[in-house]
């Protein structure tokens, strides 16, 4: 079986003049034949879902529909589940990832998205909060700062589309290097993905990430980590991490999760 695409976005993606990230998602889903379901659950603004519905229609999809799961009981609506069954892609908006996880986590909606993505029939994108929830482990909240500290970040179960990454968003704009490092220190199995605004990590079925957008993707690879003091550090104190590998990639850059190899985009190569 071949998994579908997973596309976390760092938030504040361009939506009007040059919507390269959203257009890339549309092309992955089938272009003009694409059927997109928008899940605005993370946002408390009622206009959020409709705004993305209009954006996707402007990008030329065959069908765009909003599924406003506001209560857990909504996750059992057969008509909305049928829309998810027919969709080629699901887009989860920004807002509050804890609101998103507590509403759809463990529900028929989450199970259907996970199963259809696993089987390759559904591609999933999300921005900001919608990006955070995608992986097995989700950053629920945390503090700003460049230095990792004990107690700096709170992790919660995510949607579980992949166990290979932990995603943080608004990365450079909100100074979140420390909390992503702290998240990795708690669990050095996955790699850390820090996404700047207007930047996406297009994770293909073969576990290869391509950077799309105007910002940067920070990759934190703990596979060779020799030491972490997280278990003995008091809350609020800095954590020692030794032999952590870090990459910063921009438009066109790639990272292979299986081989742990990073490559620059064509625009970064020397003449």
C-alpha atoms as a PDB file:
ATOM      1  CA  UNK A   1       0.000   0.000   0.000  1.00  0.00           C
ATOM      2  CA  UNK A   2       1.137   3.559  -0.783  1.00  0.00           C
ATOM      3  CA  UNK A   3       0.378   6.343   1.680  1.00  0.00           C
ATOM      4  CA  UNK A   4      -1.108   9.611   0.458  1.00  0.00           C
ATOM      5  CA  UNK A   5       0.693  12.952   0.606  1.00  0.00           C
ATOM      6  CA  UNK A   6       0.981  14.795   3.929  1.00  0.00           C
ATOM      7  CA  UNK A   7       1.489  18.561   3.615  1.00  0.00           C
ATOM      8  CA  UNK A   8       1.954  20.584   6.829  1.00  0.00           C
ATOM      9  CA  UNK A   9       2.069  24.366   6.309  1.00  0.00           C
ATOM     10  CA  UNK A  10       3.651  26.844   8.720  1.00  0.00           C
ATOM     11  CA  UNK A  11       0.669  29.225   8.698  1.00  0.00           C
ATOM     12  CA  UNK A  12      -0.066  32.541   6.967  1.00  0.00           C
ATOM     13  CA  UNK A  13       0.294  30.971   3.527  1.00  0.00           C
ATOM     14  CA  UNK A  14      -0.270  33.218   0.511  1.00  0.00           C
ATOM     15  CA  UNK A  15      -3.896  32.829  -0.527  1.00  0.00           C
ATOM     16  CA  UNK A  16      -4.450  35.381  -3.277  1.00  0.00           C
ATOM     17  CA  UNK A  17      -1.811  36.632  -5.724  1.00  0.00           C
ATOM     18  CA  UNK A  18       0.606  33.685  -5.694  1.00  0.00           C
ATOM     19  CA  UNK A  19      -0.954  30.772  -3.797  1.00  0.00           C
ATOM     20  CA  UNK A  20       1.810  28.304  -4.723  1.00  0.00           C
ATOM     21  CA  UNK A  21       1.338  26.113  -1.648  1.00  0.00           C
ATOM     22  CA  UNK A  22      -2.422  25.722  -1.960  1.00  0.00           C
ATOM     23  CA  UNK A  23      -2.092  25.239  -5.706  1.00  0.00           C
ATOM     24  CA  UNK A  24       0.488  22.489  -5.119  1.00  0.00           C
ATOM     25  CA  UNK A  25      -1.988  20.739  -2.813  1.00  0.00           C
ATOM     26  CA  UNK A  26      -4.681  20.998  -5.478  1.00  0.00           C
ATOM     27  CA  UNK A  27      -2.354  19.471  -8.094  1.00  0.00           C
ATOM     28  CA  UNK A  28      -1.464  16.602  -5.738  1.00  0.00           C
ATOM     29  CA  UNK A  29      -5.189  15.939  -5.292  1.00  0.00           C
ATOM     30  CA  UNK A  30      -5.883  15.781  -9.030  1.00  0.00           C
ATOM     31  CA  UNK A  31      -6.019  19.368 -10.278  1.00  0.00           C
ATOM     32  CA  UNK A  32      -9.337  20.279 -11.872  1.00  0.00           C
ATOM     33  CA  UNK A  33     -10.769  16.883 -10.964  1.00  0.00           C
ATOM     34  CA  UNK A  34      -9.925  17.354  -7.273  1.00  0.00           C
ATOM     35  CA  UNK A  35     -12.558  17.181  -4.549  1.00  0.00           C
ATOM     36  CA  UNK A  36     -11.437  19.013  -1.418  1.00  0.00           C
ATOM     37  CA  UNK A  37     -13.019  18.820   2.042  1.00  0.00           C
ATOM     38  CA  UNK A  38     -12.185  21.756   4.323  1.00  0.00           C
ATOM     39  CA  UNK A  39     -12.215  21.143   8.089  1.00  0.00           C
ATOM     40  CA  UNK A  40     -12.219  24.513   9.952  1.00  0.00           C
ATOM     41  CA  UNK A  41     -12.649  23.006  13.427  1.00  0.00           C
ATOM     42  CA  UNK A  42      -9.483  24.574  14.888  1.00  0.00           C
ATOM     43  CA  UNK A  43     -10.808  28.079  14.173  1.00  0.00           C
ATOM     44  CA  UNK A  44     -13.529  29.833  16.125  1.00  0.00           C
ATOM     45  CA  UNK A  45     -14.140  32.237  13.228  1.00  0.00           C
ATOM     46  CA  UNK A  46     -17.172  31.084  11.268  1.00  0.00           C
ATOM     47  CA  UNK A  47     -15.927  32.617   8.028  1.00  0.00           C
ATOM     48  CA  UNK A  48     -12.704  30.566   7.973  1.00  0.00           C
ATOM     49  CA  UNK A  49     -14.127  27.490   6.256  1.00  0.00           C
ATOM     50  CA  UNK A  50     -15.999  29.482   3.648  1.00  0.00           C
ATOM     51  CA  UNK A  51     -12.912  31.512   2.835  1.00  0.00           C
ATOM     52  CA  UNK A  52     -10.885  28.394   2.019  1.00  0.00           C
ATOM     53  CA  UNK A  53     -13.805  26.919   0.111  1.00  0.00           C
ATOM     54  CA  UNK A  54     -13.808  29.991  -2.164  1.00  0.00           C
ATOM     55  CA  UNK A  55     -10.008  29.858  -2.530  1.00  0.00           C
ATOM     56  CA  UNK A  56     -10.053  26.230  -3.665  1.00  0.00           C
ATOM     57  CA  UNK A  57     -12.890  26.904  -6.092  1.00  0.00           C
ATOM     58  CA  UNK A  58     -10.910  29.806  -7.535  1.00  0.00           C
ATOM     59  CA  UNK A  59      -7.979  27.414  -7.966  1.00  0.00           C
ATOM     60  CA  UNK A  60     -10.247  25.346 -10.198  1.00  0.00           C
ATOM     61  CA  UNK A  61     -11.150  22.226  -8.215  1.00  0.00           C
ATOM     62  CA  UNK A  62     -14.190  20.192  -9.196  1.00  0.00           C
ATOM     63  CA  UNK A  63     -15.682  20.399  -5.714  1.00  0.00           C
ATOM     64  CA  UNK A  64     -14.861  22.131  -2.436  1.00  0.00           C
ATOM     65  CA  UNK A  65     -17.017  21.599   0.644  1.00  0.00           C
ATOM     66  CA  UNK A  66     -16.778  22.758   4.267  1.00  0.00           C
ATOM     67  CA  UNK A  67     -17.275  20.193   7.027  1.00  0.00           C
ATOM     68  CA  UNK A  68     -17.614  22.271  10.229  1.00  0.00           C
ATOM     69  CA  UNK A  69     -17.178  19.662  12.954  1.00  0.00           C
ATOM     70  CA  UNK A  70     -17.898  21.759  16.059  1.00  0.00           C
ATOM     71  CA  UNK A  71     -18.980  19.068  18.517  1.00  0.00           C
ATOM     72  CA  UNK A  72     -17.877  15.456  18.853  1.00  0.00           C
ATOM     73  CA  UNK A  73     -21.401  14.398  17.928  1.00  0.00           C
ATOM     74  CA  UNK A  74     -20.879  16.053  14.531  1.00  0.00           C
ATOM     75  CA  UNK A  75     -18.181  13.463  13.804  1.00  0.00           C
ATOM     76  CA  UNK A  76     -20.864  10.788  13.440  1.00  0.00           C
ATOM     77  CA  UNK A  77     -22.875  12.631  10.779  1.00  0.00           C
ATOM     78  CA  UNK A  78     -23.204  10.185   7.916  1.00  0.00           C
ATOM     79  CA  UNK A  79     -23.545  12.887   5.256  1.00  0.00           C
ATOM     80  CA  UNK A  80     -20.258  14.517   6.287  1.00  0.00           C
ATOM     81  CA  UNK A  81     -18.490  11.159   6.560  1.00  0.00           C
ATOM     82  CA  UNK A  82     -19.734  10.399   3.051  1.00  0.00           C
ATOM     83  CA  UNK A  83     -18.107  13.638   1.848  1.00  0.00           C
ATOM     84  CA  UNK A  84     -14.821  12.481   3.386  1.00  0.00           C
ATOM     85  CA  UNK A  85     -15.209   9.130   1.635  1.00  0.00           C
ATOM     86  CA  UNK A  86     -15.508  10.902  -1.726  1.00  0.00           C
ATOM     87  CA  UNK A  87     -12.791  13.513  -1.151  1.00  0.00           C
ATOM     88  CA  UNK A  88      -9.383  13.427  -2.803  1.00  0.00           C
ATOM     89  CA  UNK A  89      -7.954  15.836  -0.243  1.00  0.00           C
ATOM     90  CA  UNK A  90      -8.639  17.175   3.245  1.00  0.00           C
ATOM     91  CA  UNK A  91      -7.487  20.637   4.304  1.00  0.00           C
ATOM     92  CA  UNK A  92      -7.431  21.538   8.011  1.00  0.00           C
ATOM     93  CA  UNK A  93      -7.326  25.238   8.847  1.00  0.00           C
ATOM     94  CA  UNK A  94      -5.414  27.102  11.522  1.00  0.00           C
ATOM     95  CA  UNK A  95      -6.647  28.036  14.972  1.00  0.00           C
ATOM     96  CA  UNK A  96      -6.189  25.983  18.137  1.00  0.00           C
ATOM     97  CA  UNK A  97      -4.793  22.470  17.682  1.00  0.00           C
ATOM     98  CA  UNK A  98      -6.118  21.335  21.067  1.00  0.00           C
ATOM     99  CA  UNK A  99      -9.638  22.329  20.007  1.00  0.00           C
ATOM    100  CA  UNK A 100      -9.083  20.331  16.826  1.00  0.00           C
ATOM    101  CA  UNK A 101      -7.720  17.256  18.600  1.00  0.00           C
ATOM    102  CA  UNK A 102     -10.342  17.193  21.352  1.00  0.00           C
ATOM    103  CA  UNK A 103     -13.154  17.502  18.792  1.00  0.00           C
ATOM    104  CA  UNK A 104     -12.103  14.943  16.170  1.00  0.00           C
ATOM    105  CA  UNK A 105      -9.461  12.873  17.995  1.00  0.00           C
ATOM    106  CA  UNK A 106     -10.519   9.249  18.385  1.00  0.00           C
ATOM    107  CA  UNK A 107     -13.641   9.837  16.308  1.00  0.00           C
ATOM    108  CA  UNK A 108     -14.917   8.239  13.107  1.00  0.00           C
ATOM    109  CA  UNK A 109     -13.593  11.316  11.269  1.00  0.00           C
ATOM    110  CA  UNK A 110     -10.044  10.825  12.523  1.00  0.00           C
ATOM    111  CA  UNK A 111     -10.170   7.099  11.794  1.00  0.00           C
ATOM    112  CA  UNK A 112     -11.458   7.649   8.257  1.00  0.00           C
ATOM    113  CA  UNK A 113      -8.835  10.297   7.445  1.00  0.00           C
ATOM    114  CA  UNK A 114      -6.058   8.115   8.840  1.00  0.00           C
ATOM    115  CA  UNK A 115      -7.185   4.976   7.002  1.00  0.00           C
ATOM    116  CA  UNK A 116      -7.756   6.662   3.648  1.00  0.00           C
ATOM    117  CA  UNK A 117      -4.415   8.482   3.829  1.00  0.00           C
ATOM    118  CA  UNK A 118      -2.646   5.259   4.785  1.00  0.00           C
ATOM    119  CA  UNK A 119      -4.184   3.483   1.780  1.00  0.00           C
ATOM    120  CA  UNK A 120      -3.257   6.304  -0.613  1.00  0.00           C
ATOM    121  CA  UNK A 121      -6.793   7.427  -1.383  1.00  0.00           C
ATOM    122  CA  UNK A 122      -6.644  10.735   0.480  1.00  0.00           C
ATOM    123  CA  UNK A 123      -4.070  13.516   0.650  1.00  0.00           C
ATOM    124  CA  UNK A 124      -4.011  15.686   3.781  1.00  0.00           C
ATOM    125  CA  UNK A 125      -2.827  19.276   4.165  1.00  0.00           C
ATOM    126  CA  UNK A 126      -3.135  21.626   7.095  1.00  0.00           C
ATOM    127  CA  UNK A 127      -1.942  25.066   8.092  1.00  0.00           C
ATOM    128  CA  UNK A 128      -0.732  26.154  11.536  1.00  0.00           C
ATOM    129  CA  UNK A 129      -2.875  24.157  13.997  1.00  0.00           C
ATOM    130  CA  UNK A 130      -3.922  21.928  11.106  1.00  0.00           C
ATOM    131  CA  UNK A 131      -0.239  21.159  10.514  1.00  0.00           C
ATOM    132  CA  UNK A 132       0.563  20.434  14.162  1.00  0.00           C
ATOM    133  CA  UNK A 133      -2.039  17.692  14.540  1.00  0.00           C
ATOM    134  CA  UNK A 134      -0.948  15.564  11.570  1.00  0.00           C
ATOM    135  CA  UNK A 135       1.768  13.441  13.155  1.00  0.00           C
ATOM    136  CA  UNK A 136       1.591  10.804  15.881  1.00  0.00           C
ATOM    137  CA  UNK A 137       2.821  13.313  18.481  1.00  0.00           C
ATOM    138  CA  UNK A 138       1.501  16.889  18.522  1.00  0.00           C
ATOM    139  CA  UNK A 139       2.915  20.000  20.190  1.00  0.00           C
ATOM    140  CA  UNK A 140      -0.111  21.157  22.166  1.00  0.00           C
ATOM    141  CA  UNK A 141       1.523  24.321  23.528  1.00  0.00           C
ATOM    142  CA  UNK A 142       4.849  25.675  24.696  1.00  0.00           C
ATOM    143  CA  UNK A 143       7.050  28.676  25.335  1.00  0.00           C
ATOM    144  CA  UNK A 144       9.131  30.794  22.981  1.00  0.00           C
ATOM    145  CA  UNK A 145      12.903  30.918  22.966  1.00  0.00           C
ATOM    146  CA  UNK A 146      15.945  29.454  21.213  1.00  0.00           C
ATOM    147  CA  UNK A 147      17.251  27.346  24.108  1.00  0.00           C
ATOM    148  CA  UNK A 148      15.448  24.114  25.071  1.00  0.00           C
ATOM    149  CA  UNK A 149      14.285  23.994  28.681  1.00  0.00           C
ATOM    150  CA  UNK A 150      12.658  21.283  30.774  1.00  0.00           C
ATOM    151  CA  UNK A 151       8.896  21.778  30.856  1.00  0.00           C
ATOM    152  CA  UNK A 152       9.035  24.129  27.878  1.00  0.00           C
ATOM    153  CA  UNK A 153       6.632  22.116  25.727  1.00  0.00           C
ATOM    154  CA  UNK A 154       3.516  20.001  26.176  1.00  0.00           C
ATOM    155  CA  UNK A 155       2.968  17.039  23.858  1.00  0.00           C
ATOM    156  CA  UNK A 156      -0.341  15.346  23.091  1.00  0.00           C
ATOM    157  CA  UNK A 157      -1.507  12.609  20.725  1.00  0.00           C
ATOM    158  CA  UNK A 158      -1.962  13.793  17.149  1.00  0.00           C
ATOM    159  CA  UNK A 159      -3.902  12.434  14.205  1.00  0.00           C
ATOM    160  CA  UNK A 160      -1.285   9.728  13.642  1.00  0.00           C
ATOM    161  CA  UNK A 161      -0.758  10.052   9.886  1.00  0.00           C
ATOM    162  CA  UNK A 162       2.981   9.461  10.380  1.00  0.00           C
ATOM    163  CA  UNK A 163       5.249   8.551  13.314  1.00  0.00           C
ATOM    164  CA  UNK A 164       8.309  10.012  11.583  1.00  0.00           C
ATOM    165  CA  UNK A 165       7.945  13.743  12.306  1.00  0.00           C
ATOM    166  CA  UNK A 166       6.927  16.276  14.946  1.00  0.00           C
ATOM    167  CA  UNK A 167       5.717  19.559  13.441  1.00  0.00           C
ATOM    168  CA  UNK A 168       6.036  23.095  14.761  1.00  0.00           C
ATOM    169  CA  UNK A 169       4.692  26.096  12.863  1.00  0.00           C
ATOM    170  CA  UNK A 170       5.195  29.911  12.701  1.00  0.00           C
ATOM    171  CA  UNK A 171       8.725  28.768  13.467  1.00  0.00           C
ATOM    172  CA  UNK A 172      11.006  31.721  12.818  1.00  0.00           C
ATOM    173  CA  UNK A 173       8.309  34.329  13.402  1.00  0.00           C
ATOM    174  CA  UNK A 174       7.594  33.061  16.942  1.00  0.00           C
ATOM    175  CA  UNK A 175      11.095  31.916  17.920  1.00  0.00           C
ATOM    176  CA  UNK A 176      10.207  28.246  18.464  1.00  0.00           C
ATOM    177  CA  UNK A 177      13.558  26.488  18.042  1.00  0.00           C
ATOM    178  CA  UNK A 178      13.818  25.787  21.775  1.00  0.00           C
ATOM    179  CA  UNK A 179      10.436  24.131  22.127  1.00  0.00           C
ATOM    180  CA  UNK A 180      10.967  21.912  19.078  1.00  0.00           C
ATOM    181  CA  UNK A 181      14.340  20.840  20.486  1.00  0.00           C
ATOM    182  CA  UNK A 182      12.644  20.161  23.822  1.00  0.00           C
ATOM    183  CA  UNK A 183       9.968  18.067  22.094  1.00  0.00           C
ATOM    184  CA  UNK A 184      12.663  16.031  20.352  1.00  0.00           C
ATOM    185  CA  UNK A 185      14.569  15.622  23.639  1.00  0.00           C
ATOM    186  CA  UNK A 186      11.491  14.008  25.204  1.00  0.00           C
ATOM    187  CA  UNK A 187      11.133  11.615  22.281  1.00  0.00           C
ATOM    188  CA  UNK A 188      14.154  11.319  19.933  1.00  0.00           C
ATOM    189  CA  UNK A 189      12.447   8.823  17.596  1.00  0.00           C
ATOM    190  CA  UNK A 190      10.956  11.270  15.020  1.00  0.00           C
ATOM    191  CA  UNK A 191      12.645  14.221  13.347  1.00  0.00           C
ATOM    192  CA  UNK A 192      11.592  17.776  14.171  1.00  0.00           C
ATOM    193  CA  UNK A 193      10.040  19.890  11.404  1.00  0.00           C
ATOM    194  CA  UNK A 194       9.998  23.650  12.024  1.00  0.00           C
ATOM    195  CA  UNK A 195       7.996  25.509   9.383  1.00  0.00           C
ATOM    196  CA  UNK A 196       8.211  29.245   8.797  1.00  0.00           C
ATOM    197  CA  UNK A 197       5.062  31.041   7.706  1.00  0.00           C
ATOM    198  CA  UNK A 198       4.122  30.703   4.013  1.00  0.00           C
ATOM    199  CA  UNK A 199       6.190  27.509   3.889  1.00  0.00           C
ATOM    200  CA  UNK A 200       5.117  23.899   3.397  1.00  0.00           C
ATOM    201  CA  UNK A 201       6.791  20.520   3.789  1.00  0.00           C
ATOM    202  CA  UNK A 202       5.405  18.352   0.982  1.00  0.00           C
ATOM    203  CA  UNK A 203       5.870  14.845   2.366  1.00  0.00           C
ATOM    204  CA  UNK A 204       5.508  12.337  -0.476  1.00  0.00           C
ATOM    205  CA  UNK A 205       4.437   8.682  -0.156  1.00  0.00           C
ATOM    206  CA  UNK A 206       8.121   7.636  -0.336  1.00  0.00           C
ATOM    207  CA  UNK A 207       8.949   9.696   2.797  1.00  0.00           C
ATOM    208  CA  UNK A 208      10.721  12.489   0.928  1.00  0.00           C
ATOM    209  CA  UNK A 209      10.101  16.094   1.950  1.00  0.00           C
ATOM    210  CA  UNK A 210      10.207  18.973  -0.538  1.00  0.00           C
ATOM    211  CA  UNK A 211      10.102  22.591   0.629  1.00  0.00           C
ATOM    212  CA  UNK A 212       7.546  24.864  -1.071  1.00  0.00           C
ATOM    213  CA  UNK A 213       7.005  28.530  -0.247  1.00  0.00           C
ATOM    214  CA  UNK A 214       8.834  31.728   0.629  1.00  0.00           C
ATOM    215  CA  UNK A 215      10.274  30.781   4.035  1.00  0.00           C
ATOM    216  CA  UNK A 216      12.522  28.071   5.427  1.00  0.00           C
ATOM    217  CA  UNK A 217      12.117  24.572   6.802  1.00  0.00           C
ATOM    218  CA  UNK A 218      14.253  23.664   9.818  1.00  0.00           C
ATOM    219  CA  UNK A 219      14.934  19.948  10.199  1.00  0.00           C
ATOM    220  CA  UNK A 220      16.177  18.605  13.545  1.00  0.00           C
ATOM    221  CA  UNK A 221      17.589  15.088  13.259  1.00  0.00           C
ATOM    222  CA  UNK A 222      18.194  13.345  16.627  1.00  0.00           C
ATOM    223  CA  UNK A 223      19.226   9.977  15.186  1.00  0.00           C
ATOM    224  CA  UNK A 224      22.874  10.398  16.275  1.00  0.00           C
ATOM    225  CA  UNK A 225      22.146  12.122  19.587  1.00  0.00           C
ATOM    226  CA  UNK A 226      24.689  11.000  22.195  1.00  0.00           C
ATOM    227  CA  UNK A 227      23.311  12.681  25.302  1.00  0.00           C
ATOM    228  CA  UNK A 228      20.250  14.433  26.690  1.00  0.00           C
ATOM    229  CA  UNK A 229      19.892  15.860  30.202  1.00  0.00           C
ATOM    230  CA  UNK A 230      16.095  16.132  29.951  1.00  0.00           C
ATOM    231  CA  UNK A 231      15.525  13.392  32.540  1.00  0.00           C
ATOM    232  CA  UNK A 232      17.567  15.190  35.226  1.00  0.00           C
ATOM    233  CA  UNK A 233      16.859  18.868  34.478  1.00  0.00           C
ATOM    234  CA  UNK A 234      14.523  20.905  36.671  1.00  0.00           C
ATOM    235  CA  UNK A 235      11.579  22.712  35.064  1.00  0.00           C
ATOM    236  CA  UNK A 236      12.645  26.030  33.555  1.00  0.00           C
ATOM    237  CA  UNK A 237      16.327  25.104  33.381  1.00  0.00           C
ATOM    238  CA  UNK A 238      18.198  24.636  30.063  1.00  0.00           C
ATOM    239  CA  UNK A 239      18.619  21.145  28.655  1.00  0.00           C
ATOM    240  CA  UNK A 240      21.918  19.788  27.345  1.00  0.00           C
ATOM    241  CA  UNK A 241      21.689  17.985  23.975  1.00  0.00           C
ATOM    242  CA  UNK A 242      24.782  16.608  22.261  1.00  0.00           C
ATOM    243  CA  UNK A 243      25.203  15.615  18.614  1.00  0.00           C
ATOM    244  CA  UNK A 244      21.919  16.914  17.267  1.00  0.00           C
ATOM    245  CA  UNK A 245      21.981  17.521  13.522  1.00  0.00           C
ATOM    246  CA  UNK A 246      20.206  20.584  12.111  1.00  0.00           C
ATOM    247  CA  UNK A 247      19.396  21.531   8.504  1.00  0.00           C
ATOM    248  CA  UNK A 248      17.807  24.692   7.127  1.00  0.00           C
ATOM    249  CA  UNK A 249      16.185  24.224   3.726  1.00  0.00           C
ATOM    250  CA  UNK A 250      14.459  26.717   1.428  1.00  0.00           C
ATOM    251  CA  UNK A 251      12.315  26.474  -1.723  1.00  0.00           C
ATOM    252  CA  UNK A 252      13.093  23.303  -3.656  1.00  0.00           C
ATOM    253  CA  UNK A 253      15.259  21.801  -0.919  1.00  0.00           C
ATOM    254  CA  UNK A 254      14.600  18.170  -0.045  1.00  0.00           C
ATOM    255  CA  UNK A 255      15.033  15.849   2.910  1.00  0.00           C
ATOM    256  CA  UNK A 256      14.797  12.061   2.756  1.00  0.00           C
ATOM    257  CA  UNK A 257      13.492  10.805   6.097  1.00  0.00           C
ATOM    258  CA  UNK A 258      14.606   7.214   5.539  1.00  0.00           C
ATOM    259  CA  UNK A 259      18.206   7.997   4.534  1.00  0.00           C
ATOM    260  CA  UNK A 260      18.397  11.213   6.645  1.00  0.00           C
ATOM    261  CA  UNK A 261      19.887  13.042   3.640  1.00  0.00           C
ATOM    262  CA  UNK A 262      19.263  16.753   3.002  1.00  0.00           C
ATOM    263  CA  UNK A 263      19.813  18.445  -0.353  1.00  0.00           C
ATOM    264  CA  UNK A 264      19.558  22.118  -1.345  1.00  0.00           C
ATOM    265  CA  UNK A 265      17.156  23.342  -3.995  1.00  0.00           C
ATOM    266  CA  UNK A 266      18.319  24.173  -7.498  1.00  0.00           C
ATOM    267  CA  UNK A 267      18.384  27.892  -6.702  1.00  0.00           C
ATOM    268  CA  UNK A 268      20.962  27.318  -3.950  1.00  0.00           C
ATOM    269  CA  UNK A 269      23.571  25.527  -6.063  1.00  0.00           C
ATOM    270  CA  UNK A 270      26.790  27.356  -6.957  1.00  0.00           C
ATOM    271  CA  UNK A 271      27.524  28.259 -10.569  1.00  0.00           C
END
